[in-house]
C-alpha atoms as a PDB file:
ATOM      1  CA  UNK A   1     -52.749  32.582 -72.978  1.00  0.00           C
ATOM      2  CA  UNK A   2     -51.970  29.635 -70.677  1.00  0.00           C
ATOM      3  CA  UNK A   3     -50.697  26.530 -72.454  1.00  0.00           C
ATOM      4  CA  UNK A   4     -49.030  23.227 -71.542  1.00  0.00           C
ATOM      5  CA  UNK A   5     -45.774  22.021 -73.087  1.00  0.00           C
ATOM      6  CA  UNK A   6     -43.015  19.564 -72.185  1.00  0.00           C
ATOM      7  CA  UNK A   7     -39.800  21.449 -73.025  1.00  0.00           C
ATOM      8  CA  UNK A   8     -37.659  18.556 -71.777  1.00  0.00           C
ATOM      9  CA  UNK A   9     -38.947  14.989 -72.300  1.00  0.00           C
ATOM     10  CA  UNK A  10     -39.625  13.077 -69.114  1.00  0.00           C
ATOM     11  CA  UNK A  11     -42.186  12.095 -66.493  1.00  0.00           C
ATOM     12  CA  UNK A  12     -45.272  14.014 -65.424  1.00  0.00           C
ATOM     13  CA  UNK A  13     -43.052  16.661 -63.827  1.00  0.00           C
ATOM     14  CA  UNK A  14     -41.831  17.597 -67.313  1.00  0.00           C
ATOM     15  CA  UNK A  15     -45.170  19.270 -68.028  1.00  0.00           C
ATOM     16  CA  UNK A  16     -45.080  23.066 -67.793  1.00  0.00           C
ATOM     17  CA  UNK A  17     -47.944  25.568 -67.806  1.00  0.00           C
ATOM     18  CA  UNK A  18     -46.618  28.713 -69.454  1.00  0.00           C
ATOM     19  CA  UNK A  19     -47.742  31.843 -71.244  1.00  0.00           C
ATOM     20  CA  UNK A  20     -47.923  31.676 -75.040  1.00  0.00           C
ATOM     21  CA  UNK A  21     -49.188  34.167 -77.645  1.00  0.00           C
ATOM     22  CA  UNK A  22     -52.824  33.670 -78.587  1.00  0.00           C
ATOM     23  CA  UNK A  23     -52.906  32.246 -82.140  1.00  0.00           C
ATOM     24  CA  UNK A  24     -54.704  33.855 -85.050  1.00  0.00           C
ATOM     25  CA  UNK A  25     -56.798  31.783 -87.464  1.00  0.00           C
ATOM     26  CA  UNK A  26     -55.149  31.369 -90.862  1.00  0.00           C
ATOM     27  CA  UNK A  27     -57.279  31.138 -94.026  1.00  0.00           C
ATOM     28  CA  UNK A  28     -59.557  28.122 -93.705  1.00  0.00           C
ATOM     29  CA  UNK A  29     -59.159  27.951 -89.911  1.00  0.00           C
ATOM     30  CA  UNK A  30     -61.216  28.888 -86.862  1.00  0.00           C
ATOM     31  CA  UNK A  31     -60.023  30.117 -83.466  1.00  0.00           C
ATOM     32  CA  UNK A  32     -61.587  28.265 -80.525  1.00  0.00           C
ATOM     33  CA  UNK A  33     -61.709  29.389 -76.899  1.00  0.00           C
ATOM     34  CA  UNK A  34     -61.166  26.033 -75.203  1.00  0.00           C
ATOM     35  CA  UNK A  35     -63.641  24.738 -72.623  1.00  0.00           C
ATOM     36  CA  UNK A  36     -62.186  21.249 -72.194  1.00  0.00           C
ATOM     37  CA  UNK A  37     -59.467  19.102 -73.729  1.00  0.00           C
ATOM     38  CA  UNK A  38     -59.179  15.333 -73.744  1.00  0.00           C
ATOM     39  CA  UNK A  39     -56.066  13.651 -72.355  1.00  0.00           C
ATOM     40  CA  UNK A  40     -54.856  10.786 -74.562  1.00  0.00           C
ATOM     41  CA  UNK A  41     -52.027   8.249 -74.399  1.00  0.00           C
ATOM     42  CA  UNK A  42     -50.471   9.946 -77.405  1.00  0.00           C
ATOM     43  CA  UNK A  43     -50.009  13.000 -75.161  1.00  0.00           C
ATOM     44  CA  UNK A  44     -48.049  10.860 -72.708  1.00  0.00           C
ATOM     45  CA  UNK A  45     -45.819   9.655 -75.526  1.00  0.00           C
ATOM     46  CA  UNK A  46     -45.235  13.227 -76.700  1.00  0.00           C
ATOM     47  CA  UNK A  47     -44.324  14.278 -73.165  1.00  0.00           C
ATOM     48  CA  UNK A  48     -41.818  11.409 -73.033  1.00  0.00           C
ATOM     49  CA  UNK A  49     -40.250  12.457 -76.344  1.00  0.00           C
ATOM     50  CA  UNK A  50     -41.540   9.499 -78.398  1.00  0.00           C
ATOM     51  CA  UNK A  51     -44.310  11.153 -80.450  1.00  0.00           C
ATOM     52  CA  UNK A  52     -43.291  14.539 -81.753  1.00  0.00           C
ATOM     53  CA  UNK A  53     -45.798  16.747 -83.571  1.00  0.00           C
ATOM     54  CA  UNK A  54     -45.682  16.741 -87.383  1.00  0.00           C
ATOM     55  CA  UNK A  55     -43.438  19.333 -89.061  1.00  0.00           C
ATOM     56  CA  UNK A  56     -44.891  22.792 -88.577  1.00  0.00           C
ATOM     57  CA  UNK A  57     -47.163  21.666 -85.748  1.00  0.00           C
ATOM     58  CA  UNK A  58     -47.344  23.301 -82.339  1.00  0.00           C
ATOM     59  CA  UNK A  59     -45.464  21.822 -79.394  1.00  0.00           C
ATOM     60  CA  UNK A  60     -48.461  22.507 -77.158  1.00  0.00           C
ATOM     61  CA  UNK A  61     -50.016  19.180 -76.193  1.00  0.00           C
ATOM     62  CA  UNK A  62     -53.604  18.125 -76.849  1.00  0.00           C
ATOM     63  CA  UNK A  63     -55.275  16.299 -79.744  1.00  0.00           C
ATOM     64  CA  UNK A  64     -58.932  17.211 -79.102  1.00  0.00           C
ATOM     65  CA  UNK A  65     -60.975  19.922 -77.464  1.00  0.00           C
ATOM     66  CA  UNK A  66     -64.341  21.586 -77.139  1.00  0.00           C
ATOM     67  CA  UNK A  67     -65.209  25.263 -76.827  1.00  0.00           C
ATOM     68  CA  UNK A  68     -66.644  28.334 -78.532  1.00  0.00           C
ATOM     69  CA  UNK A  69     -65.532  29.815 -81.830  1.00  0.00           C
ATOM     70  CA  UNK A  70     -64.026  33.266 -81.272  1.00  0.00           C
ATOM     71  CA  UNK A  71     -63.185  34.186 -84.872  1.00  0.00           C
ATOM     72  CA  UNK A  72     -62.882  32.593 -88.300  1.00  0.00           C
ATOM     73  CA  UNK A  73     -60.234  32.895 -90.983  1.00  0.00           C
ATOM     74  CA  UNK A  74     -60.667  33.877 -94.588  1.00  0.00           C
ATOM     75  CA  UNK A  75     -62.832  31.501 -96.579  1.00  0.00           C
ATOM     76  CA  UNK A  76     -64.684  29.934 -93.628  1.00  0.00           C
ATOM     77  CA  UNK A  77     -68.414  30.307 -94.156  1.00  0.00           C
ATOM     78  CA  UNK A  78     -70.082  27.320 -92.478  1.00  0.00           C
ATOM     79  CA  UNK A  79     -68.884  28.058 -88.934  1.00  0.00           C
ATOM     80  CA  UNK A  80     -69.575  31.295 -87.099  1.00  0.00           C
ATOM     81  CA  UNK A  81     -68.277  33.012 -83.930  1.00  0.00           C
ATOM     82  CA  UNK A  82     -70.205  31.921 -80.862  1.00  0.00           C
ATOM     83  CA  UNK A  83     -70.854  28.381 -82.057  1.00  0.00           C
ATOM     84  CA  UNK A  84     -70.325  25.558 -79.553  1.00  0.00           C
ATOM     85  CA  UNK A  85     -67.939  23.121 -81.221  1.00  0.00           C
ATOM     86  CA  UNK A  86     -65.491  20.290 -80.707  1.00  0.00           C
ATOM     87  CA  UNK A  87     -62.367  19.745 -82.764  1.00  0.00           C
ATOM     88  CA  UNK A  88     -59.826  17.144 -83.818  1.00  0.00           C
ATOM     89  CA  UNK A  89     -56.352  18.649 -83.465  1.00  0.00           C
ATOM     90  CA  UNK A  90     -52.795  18.022 -84.565  1.00  0.00           C
ATOM     91  CA  UNK A  91     -51.844  19.626 -81.250  1.00  0.00           C
ATOM     92  CA  UNK A  92     -52.618  22.670 -79.122  1.00  0.00           C
ATOM     93  CA  UNK A  93     -55.637  21.521 -77.115  1.00  0.00           C
ATOM     94  CA  UNK A  94     -54.005  22.052 -73.710  1.00  0.00           C
ATOM     95  CA  UNK A  95     -54.385  25.827 -74.010  1.00  0.00           C
ATOM     96  CA  UNK A  96     -56.894  28.602 -73.595  1.00  0.00           C
ATOM     97  CA  UNK A  97     -57.138  29.084 -77.370  1.00  0.00           C
ATOM     98  CA  UNK A  98     -56.372  26.918 -80.381  1.00  0.00           C
ATOM     99  CA  UNK A  99     -56.546  27.523 -84.123  1.00  0.00           C
ATOM    100  CA  UNK A 100     -57.646  24.562 -86.243  1.00  0.00           C
ATOM    101  CA  UNK A 101     -58.691  23.840 -89.868  1.00  0.00           C
ATOM    102  CA  UNK A 102     -62.450  24.248 -90.197  1.00  0.00           C
ATOM    103  CA  UNK A 103     -62.875  20.748 -91.642  1.00  0.00           C
ATOM    104  CA  UNK A 104     -61.670  19.263 -88.369  1.00  0.00           C
ATOM    105  CA  UNK A 105     -64.327  21.135 -86.384  1.00  0.00           C
ATOM    106  CA  UNK A 106     -67.909  20.015 -85.746  1.00  0.00           C
ATOM    107  CA  UNK A 107     -70.833  21.577 -83.956  1.00  0.00           C
ATOM    108  CA  UNK A 108     -70.996  19.921 -80.543  1.00  0.00           C
ATOM    109  CA  UNK A 109     -73.608  17.144 -80.431  1.00  0.00           C
ATOM    110  CA  UNK A 110     -76.880  17.656 -78.628  1.00  0.00           C
ATOM    111  CA  UNK A 111     -77.603  15.825 -75.411  1.00  0.00           C
ATOM    112  CA  UNK A 112     -74.280  16.363 -73.627  1.00  0.00           C
ATOM    113  CA  UNK A 113     -72.437  19.277 -72.044  1.00  0.00           C
ATOM    114  CA  UNK A 114     -69.739  21.230 -73.825  1.00  0.00           C
ATOM    115  CA  UNK A 115     -67.229  19.939 -71.250  1.00  0.00           C
ATOM    116  CA  UNK A 116     -68.124  16.318 -72.020  1.00  0.00           C
ATOM    117  CA  UNK A 117     -67.680  17.060 -75.719  1.00  0.00           C
ATOM    118  CA  UNK A 118     -64.031  17.875 -75.021  1.00  0.00           C
ATOM    119  CA  UNK A 119     -63.191  14.174 -74.966  1.00  0.00           C
ATOM    120  CA  UNK A 120     -65.166  13.077 -78.002  1.00  0.00           C
ATOM    121  CA  UNK A 121     -63.339  13.853 -81.224  1.00  0.00           C
ATOM    122  CA  UNK A 122     -60.145  11.830 -80.891  1.00  0.00           C
ATOM    123  CA  UNK A 123     -61.863   8.654 -79.688  1.00  0.00           C
ATOM    124  CA  UNK A 124     -64.884   8.902 -81.980  1.00  0.00           C
ATOM    125  CA  UNK A 125     -62.761   9.612 -85.070  1.00  0.00           C
ATOM    126  CA  UNK A 126     -60.285   6.870 -84.120  1.00  0.00           C
ATOM    127  CA  UNK A 127     -63.008   4.255 -83.670  1.00  0.00           C
ATOM    128  CA  UNK A 128     -65.035   5.293 -86.710  1.00  0.00           C
ATOM    129  CA  UNK A 129     -62.056   5.457 -89.079  1.00  0.00           C
ATOM    130  CA  UNK A 130     -60.462   2.210 -87.890  1.00  0.00           C
ATOM    131  CA  UNK A 131     -63.311  -0.093 -86.881  1.00  0.00           C
ATOM    132  CA  UNK A 132     -65.868   0.957 -89.466  1.00  0.00           C
ATOM    133  CA  UNK A 133     -64.058   2.635 -92.380  1.00  0.00           C
ATOM    134  CA  UNK A 134     -60.944   0.417 -92.432  1.00  0.00           C
ATOM    135  CA  UNK A 135     -62.132  -2.636 -90.513  1.00  0.00           C
ATOM    136  CA  UNK A 136     -65.552  -2.585 -92.207  1.00  0.00           C
ATOM    137  CA  UNK A 137     -67.390  -3.893 -89.153  1.00  0.00           C
ATOM    138  CA  UNK A 138     -70.880  -5.032 -90.145  1.00  0.00           C
ATOM    139  CA  UNK A 139     -74.090  -5.977 -88.352  1.00  0.00           C
ATOM    140  CA  UNK A 140     -73.619  -9.472 -86.912  1.00  0.00           C
ATOM    141  CA  UNK A 141     -69.809  -9.313 -86.889  1.00  0.00           C
ATOM    142  CA  UNK A 142     -67.707  -9.820 -83.769  1.00  0.00           C
ATOM    143  CA  UNK A 143     -65.356  -7.059 -82.612  1.00  0.00           C
ATOM    144  CA  UNK A 144     -62.463  -7.685 -80.242  1.00  0.00           C
ATOM    145  CA  UNK A 145     -61.276  -4.444 -78.655  1.00  0.00           C
ATOM    146  CA  UNK A 146     -58.300  -4.387 -76.328  1.00  0.00           C
ATOM    147  CA  UNK A 147     -58.447  -2.136 -73.282  1.00  0.00           C
ATOM    148  CA  UNK A 148     -62.216  -1.912 -73.125  1.00  0.00           C
ATOM    149  CA  UNK A 149     -62.275   0.516 -70.193  1.00  0.00           C
ATOM    150  CA  UNK A 150     -60.090   3.087 -71.960  1.00  0.00           C
ATOM    151  CA  UNK A 151     -61.479   6.116 -73.730  1.00  0.00           C
ATOM    152  CA  UNK A 152     -61.198   4.399 -77.103  1.00  0.00           C
ATOM    153  CA  UNK A 153     -62.474   1.126 -75.665  1.00  0.00           C
ATOM    154  CA  UNK A 154     -65.611   2.614 -74.135  1.00  0.00           C
ATOM    155  CA  UNK A 155     -66.448   4.317 -77.433  1.00  0.00           C
ATOM    156  CA  UNK A 156     -65.715   1.178 -79.481  1.00  0.00           C
ATOM    157  CA  UNK A 157     -67.959  -0.995 -77.309  1.00  0.00           C
ATOM    158  CA  UNK A 158     -70.886   1.393 -77.560  1.00  0.00           C
ATOM    159  CA  UNK A 159     -70.604   2.056 -81.297  1.00  0.00           C
ATOM    160  CA  UNK A 160     -70.157  -1.605 -82.184  1.00  0.00           C
ATOM    161  CA  UNK A 161     -73.252  -2.543 -80.177  1.00  0.00           C
ATOM    162  CA  UNK A 162     -75.209   0.335 -81.713  1.00  0.00           C
ATOM    163  CA  UNK A 163     -74.488  -1.092 -85.161  1.00  0.00           C
ATOM    164  CA  UNK A 164     -75.431  -4.630 -84.221  1.00  0.00           C
ATOM    165  CA  UNK A 165     -72.059  -6.274 -83.573  1.00  0.00           C
ATOM    166  CA  UNK A 166     -71.002  -8.709 -80.860  1.00  0.00           C
ATOM    167  CA  UNK A 167     -68.239  -7.305 -78.634  1.00  0.00           C
ATOM    168  CA  UNK A 168     -65.407  -9.057 -76.825  1.00  0.00           C
ATOM    169  CA  UNK A 169     -62.993  -6.940 -74.814  1.00  0.00           C
ATOM    170  CA  UNK A 170     -59.887  -7.394 -72.688  1.00  0.00           C
ATOM    171  CA  UNK A 171     -59.697  -5.739 -69.269  1.00  0.00           C
ATOM    172  CA  UNK A 172     -57.302  -5.616 -66.341  1.00  0.00           C
ATOM    173  CA  UNK A 173     -59.650  -6.056 -63.375  1.00  0.00           C
ATOM    174  CA  UNK A 174     -63.029  -7.416 -62.257  1.00  0.00           C
ATOM    175  CA  UNK A 175     -64.238  -3.862 -61.758  1.00  0.00           C
ATOM    176  CA  UNK A 176     -63.360  -2.893 -65.319  1.00  0.00           C
ATOM    177  CA  UNK A 177     -64.964  -6.100 -66.608  1.00  0.00           C
ATOM    178  CA  UNK A 178     -68.243  -5.195 -64.899  1.00  0.00           C
ATOM    179  CA  UNK A 179     -67.965  -1.638 -66.203  1.00  0.00           C
ATOM    180  CA  UNK A 180     -67.517  -2.838 -69.810  1.00  0.00           C
ATOM    181  CA  UNK A 181     -70.445  -5.231 -69.535  1.00  0.00           C
ATOM    182  CA  UNK A 182     -72.600  -2.333 -68.394  1.00  0.00           C
ATOM    183  CA  UNK A 183     -71.596  -0.508 -71.576  1.00  0.00           C
ATOM    184  CA  UNK A 184     -72.702  -3.493 -73.646  1.00  0.00           C
ATOM    185  CA  UNK A 185     -69.720  -5.833 -73.978  1.00  0.00           C
ATOM    186  CA  UNK A 186     -70.861  -9.424 -74.476  1.00  0.00           C
ATOM    187  CA  UNK A 187     -67.633 -11.050 -73.272  1.00  0.00           C
ATOM    188  CA  UNK A 188     -64.842  -9.694 -71.070  1.00  0.00           C
ATOM    189  CA  UNK A 189     -61.457 -11.386 -70.660  1.00  0.00           C
ATOM    190  CA  UNK A 190     -59.140 -10.408 -67.813  1.00  0.00           C
ATOM    191  CA  UNK A 191     -55.710 -10.419 -69.458  1.00  0.00           C
ATOM    192  CA  UNK A 192     -54.043 -10.618 -66.056  1.00  0.00           C
ATOM    193  CA  UNK A 193     -55.647 -14.018 -65.460  1.00  0.00           C
ATOM    194  CA  UNK A 194     -55.911 -15.616 -68.908  1.00  0.00           C
ATOM    195  CA  UNK A 195     -54.444 -15.323 -72.386  1.00  0.00           C
ATOM    196  CA  UNK A 196     -57.205 -13.780 -74.480  1.00  0.00           C
ATOM    197  CA  UNK A 197     -56.511 -15.909 -77.571  1.00  0.00           C
ATOM    198  CA  UNK A 198     -56.659 -19.116 -75.524  1.00  0.00           C
ATOM    199  CA  UNK A 199     -59.865 -17.967 -73.833  1.00  0.00           C
ATOM    200  CA  UNK A 200     -61.464 -17.260 -77.206  1.00  0.00           C
ATOM    201  CA  UNK A 201     -60.340 -20.621 -78.583  1.00  0.00           C
ATOM    202  CA  UNK A 202     -61.807 -22.447 -75.582  1.00  0.00           C
ATOM    203  CA  UNK A 203     -65.169 -20.691 -76.040  1.00  0.00           C
ATOM    204  CA  UNK A 204     -65.120 -21.070 -79.835  1.00  0.00           C
ATOM    205  CA  UNK A 205     -65.022 -17.299 -80.366  1.00  0.00           C
ATOM    206  CA  UNK A 206     -63.378 -15.558 -83.333  1.00  0.00           C
ATOM    207  CA  UNK A 207     -63.170 -11.892 -84.212  1.00  0.00           C
ATOM    208  CA  UNK A 208     -64.076 -10.409 -87.573  1.00  0.00           C
ATOM    209  CA  UNK A 209     -62.393  -7.159 -86.547  1.00  0.00           C
ATOM    210  CA  UNK A 210     -59.754  -6.535 -83.868  1.00  0.00           C
ATOM    211  CA  UNK A 211     -58.904  -3.026 -82.666  1.00  0.00           C
ATOM    212  CA  UNK A 212     -55.442  -3.326 -81.134  1.00  0.00           C
ATOM    213  CA  UNK A 213     -53.490  -0.838 -79.024  1.00  0.00           C
ATOM    214  CA  UNK A 214     -50.672  -3.210 -78.024  1.00  0.00           C
ATOM    215  CA  UNK A 215     -48.815  -3.872 -81.259  1.00  0.00           C
ATOM    216  CA  UNK A 216     -45.947  -6.378 -81.228  1.00  0.00           C
ATOM    217  CA  UNK A 217     -46.802  -8.118 -77.952  1.00  0.00           C
ATOM    218  CA  UNK A 218     -50.241  -9.164 -79.168  1.00  0.00           C
ATOM    219  CA  UNK A 219     -49.542  -9.752 -82.870  1.00  0.00           C
ATOM    220  CA  UNK A 220     -49.424 -13.571 -82.874  1.00  0.00           C
ATOM    221  CA  UNK A 221     -52.347 -13.900 -80.462  1.00  0.00           C
ATOM    222  CA  UNK A 222     -54.420 -11.422 -82.478  1.00  0.00           C
ATOM    223  CA  UNK A 223     -53.858 -13.386 -85.695  1.00  0.00           C
ATOM    224  CA  UNK A 224     -54.861 -16.547 -83.821  1.00  0.00           C
ATOM    225  CA  UNK A 225     -58.081 -14.855 -82.667  1.00  0.00           C
ATOM    226  CA  UNK A 226     -59.083 -13.654 -86.139  1.00  0.00           C
ATOM    227  CA  UNK A 227     -61.947 -15.258 -88.011  1.00  0.00           C
ATOM    228  CA  UNK A 228     -61.663 -16.212 -91.662  1.00  0.00           C
ATOM    229  CA  UNK A 229     -61.309 -12.989 -93.683  1.00  0.00           C
ATOM    230  CA  UNK A 230     -60.820 -11.113 -90.405  1.00  0.00           C
ATOM    231  CA  UNK A 231     -59.227  -7.661 -90.156  1.00  0.00           C
ATOM    232  CA  UNK A 232     -56.658  -6.710 -87.521  1.00  0.00           C
ATOM    233  CA  UNK A 233     -56.280  -2.936 -87.171  1.00  0.00           C
ATOM    234  CA  UNK A 234     -53.277  -1.843 -85.093  1.00  0.00           C
ATOM    235  CA  UNK A 235     -53.475   1.702 -83.711  1.00  0.00           C
ATOM    236  CA  UNK A 236     -51.005   1.556 -80.820  1.00  0.00           C
ATOM    237  CA  UNK A 237     -47.661   0.098 -79.822  1.00  0.00           C
ATOM    238  CA  UNK A 238     -47.858  -0.130 -76.036  1.00  0.00           C
ATOM    239  CA  UNK A 239     -46.476  -3.666 -76.351  1.00  0.00           C
ATOM    240  CA  UNK A 240     -43.596  -2.856 -78.695  1.00  0.00           C
ATOM    241  CA  UNK A 241     -42.968  -2.295 -82.390  1.00  0.00           C
ATOM    242  CA  UNK A 242     -41.317  -5.481 -83.688  1.00  0.00           C
ATOM    243  CA  UNK A 243     -42.695  -9.025 -83.769  1.00  0.00           C
ATOM    244  CA  UNK A 244     -42.614 -12.096 -85.984  1.00  0.00           C
ATOM    245  CA  UNK A 245     -45.671 -12.579 -88.194  1.00  0.00           C
ATOM    246  CA  UNK A 246     -46.720 -16.078 -89.263  1.00  0.00           C
ATOM    247  CA  UNK A 247     -47.748 -15.406 -92.855  1.00  0.00           C
ATOM    248  CA  UNK A 248     -48.960 -18.979 -93.159  1.00  0.00           C
ATOM    249  CA  UNK A 249     -51.556 -18.449 -90.426  1.00  0.00           C
ATOM    250  CA  UNK A 250     -52.606 -15.180 -92.055  1.00  0.00           C
ATOM    251  CA  UNK A 251     -52.831 -16.851 -95.475  1.00  0.00           C
ATOM    252  CA  UNK A 252     -54.945 -19.742 -94.195  1.00  0.00           C
ATOM    253  CA  UNK A 253     -57.451 -17.274 -92.792  1.00  0.00           C
ATOM    254  CA  UNK A 254     -57.334 -14.929 -95.806  1.00  0.00           C
ATOM    255  CA  UNK A 255     -56.977 -12.241 -93.169  1.00  0.00           C
ATOM    256  CA  UNK A 256     -55.521  -8.732 -93.202  1.00  0.00           C
ATOM    257  CA  UNK A 257     -53.273  -6.771 -90.850  1.00  0.00           C
ATOM    258  CA  UNK A 258     -53.500  -2.981 -91.074  1.00  0.00           C
ATOM    259  CA  UNK A 259     -51.741  -0.270 -89.100  1.00  0.00           C
ATOM    260  CA  UNK A 260     -52.751   3.360 -89.050  1.00  0.00           C
ATOM    261  CA  UNK A 261     -52.496   6.662 -87.216  1.00  0.00           C
ATOM    262  CA  UNK A 262     -54.685   9.753 -87.222  1.00  0.00           C
ATOM    263  CA  UNK A 263     -52.477  12.673 -86.222  1.00  0.00           C
ATOM    264  CA  UNK A 264     -50.177  12.831 -89.260  1.00  0.00           C
ATOM    265  CA  UNK A 265     -52.908  12.471 -91.898  1.00  0.00           C
ATOM    266  CA  UNK A 266     -53.421  15.399 -94.278  1.00  0.00           C
ATOM    267  CA  UNK A 267     -56.129  17.904 -93.375  1.00  0.00           C
ATOM    268  CA  UNK A 268     -58.354  16.671 -96.218  1.00  0.00           C
ATOM    269  CA  UNK A 269     -58.283  13.092 -94.905  1.00  0.00           C
ATOM    270  CA  UNK A 270     -58.987  14.131 -91.329  1.00  0.00           C
ATOM    271  CA  UNK A 271     -61.794  16.395 -92.492  1.00  0.00           C
ATOM    272  CA  UNK A 272     -63.382  13.496 -94.405  1.00  0.00           C
ATOM    273  CA  UNK A 273     -63.174  11.294 -91.309  1.00  0.00           C
ATOM    274  CA  UNK A 274     -64.753  13.997 -89.135  1.00  0.00           C
ATOM    275  CA  UNK A 275     -67.585  14.469 -91.632  1.00  0.00           C
ATOM    276  CA  UNK A 276     -68.332  10.742 -91.919  1.00  0.00           C
ATOM    277  CA  UNK A 277     -68.116  10.214 -88.164  1.00  0.00           C
ATOM    278  CA  UNK A 278     -70.388  13.133 -87.293  1.00  0.00           C
ATOM    279  CA  UNK A 279     -73.063  11.928 -89.733  1.00  0.00           C
ATOM    280  CA  UNK A 280     -73.160   8.491 -88.085  1.00  0.00           C
ATOM    281  CA  UNK A 281     -72.248   9.084 -84.436  1.00  0.00           C
ATOM    282  CA  UNK A 282     -73.750  12.436 -83.457  1.00  0.00           C
ATOM    283  CA  UNK A 283     -77.365  11.176 -83.822  1.00  0.00           C
ATOM    284  CA  UNK A 284     -76.541   8.262 -81.515  1.00  0.00           C
ATOM    285  CA  UNK A 285     -75.193  10.672 -78.898  1.00  0.00           C
ATOM    286  CA  UNK A 286     -78.206  12.948 -79.261  1.00  0.00           C
ATOM    287  CA  UNK A 287     -80.671  10.101 -78.591  1.00  0.00           C
ATOM    288  CA  UNK A 288     -78.610   8.636 -75.743  1.00  0.00           C
ATOM    289  CA  UNK A 289     -77.592   5.397 -77.473  1.00  0.00           C
ATOM    290  CA  UNK A 290     -73.919   6.378 -77.125  1.00  0.00           C
ATOM    291  CA  UNK A 291     -72.578   8.518 -74.307  1.00  0.00           C
ATOM    292  CA  UNK A 292     -69.172   9.956 -73.480  1.00  0.00           C
ATOM    293  CA  UNK A 293     -67.701   8.198 -70.466  1.00  0.00           C
ATOM    294  CA  UNK A 294     -65.813  10.670 -68.274  1.00  0.00           C
ATOM    295  CA  UNK A 295     -63.570   9.312 -65.528  1.00  0.00           C
ATOM    296  CA  UNK A 296     -62.459  12.668 -64.119  1.00  0.00           C
ATOM    297  CA  UNK A 297     -61.814  16.314 -64.954  1.00  0.00           C
ATOM    298  CA  UNK A 298     -58.832  18.389 -63.844  1.00  0.00           C
ATOM    299  CA  UNK A 299     -58.073  22.091 -64.167  1.00  0.00           C
ATOM    300  CA  UNK A 300     -55.266  22.886 -66.589  1.00  0.00           C
ATOM    301  CA  UNK A 301     -52.861  23.557 -63.708  1.00  0.00           C
ATOM    302  CA  UNK A 302     -53.288  19.941 -62.538  1.00  0.00           C
ATOM    303  CA  UNK A 303     -52.228  18.471 -65.890  1.00  0.00           C
ATOM    304  CA  UNK A 304     -49.484  16.387 -64.231  1.00  0.00           C
ATOM    305  CA  UNK A 305     -52.074  14.646 -62.074  1.00  0.00           C
ATOM    306  CA  UNK A 306     -54.231  13.953 -65.119  1.00  0.00           C
ATOM    307  CA  UNK A 307     -51.277  12.383 -66.938  1.00  0.00           C
ATOM    308  CA  UNK A 308     -50.478  10.245 -63.896  1.00  0.00           C
ATOM    309  CA  UNK A 309     -53.987   8.788 -63.910  1.00  0.00           C
ATOM    310  CA  UNK A 310     -53.522   7.604 -67.496  1.00  0.00           C
ATOM    311  CA  UNK A 311     -50.033   6.360 -66.771  1.00  0.00           C
ATOM    312  CA  UNK A 312     -51.360   4.265 -63.881  1.00  0.00           C
ATOM    313  CA  UNK A 313     -54.251   2.925 -66.011  1.00  0.00           C
ATOM    314  CA  UNK A 314     -56.508   3.592 -63.048  1.00  0.00           C
ATOM    315  CA  UNK A 315     -59.192   5.249 -65.178  1.00  0.00           C
ATOM    316  CA  UNK A 316     -62.358   4.017 -66.866  1.00  0.00           C
ATOM    317  CA  UNK A 317     -63.274   6.305 -69.743  1.00  0.00           C
ATOM    318  CA  UNK A 318     -61.867   9.725 -70.549  1.00  0.00           C
ATOM    319  CA  UNK A 319     -59.774  12.115 -68.474  1.00  0.00           C
ATOM    320  CA  UNK A 320     -60.355  15.788 -69.286  1.00  0.00           C
ATOM    321  CA  UNK A 321     -58.611  19.090 -68.638  1.00  0.00           C
ATOM    322  CA  UNK A 322     -60.920  22.049 -68.104  1.00  0.00           C
ATOM    323  CA  UNK A 323     -60.272  25.744 -68.585  1.00  0.00           C
END
């Protein structure tokens, strides 16, 4: 089968499409013939040598996919060959076939194409587990999400609005600001023109939950932007890994700072997240309340171009590879 790896860490030219043996489903797994795979920033980090797969994981890139089940391993009874599905992966999505634990697989939601479903699982599970399960966003709360035009951002805006929250988001251009407002964002702040924490202070805005992809660079400003008893959930480190934290400011607000990742969680935890997310999000996709936002699709052979789009931050929504 065709598959994409990065044998030597580096730029987009480090990506190689090569032939690999087709995997077989182990007990408790299903084998999926891939229709589409989402491209995520974590894939860029893996290509650069900064985010290696967990021990025992495949070096084939790709953390989510959609497709058809080809065969099932021993003990799998609730999924059958021929089913249209999407899956949350530890790796392996940039390939013609991938084997994945059955608990991390869901029947594709109604109302969208199987290709569109290829970019759903990573963003939907990330937003649901961090904003709602950890951050405990409630009706009437305010969510601040950084990078609103990203794949995660577009999903976070839509889900927060669907559950009755107010949404503030940071963006890098007027075009992306307009795009996020169309998705439902109440307030957009262009981080190239104004410090988001200062902008929120001037407009008397505070966030009950912050979904942060920047890490160290935004830590102090995020704490400043938190409401009393607010929750800062850090899921990325695009702005570095080390920063000074003013515990006094955190204490005064009775606030919490949490950091989490999805890829390295045990199968049981990821399966629980998938189950909870599907129960809440799939109906919203089926009735059109939430929709996958697709920036562009590329054939597997053009994977370098797809990575470059993410690297340039020129996208709004998801970038997909199709097979």
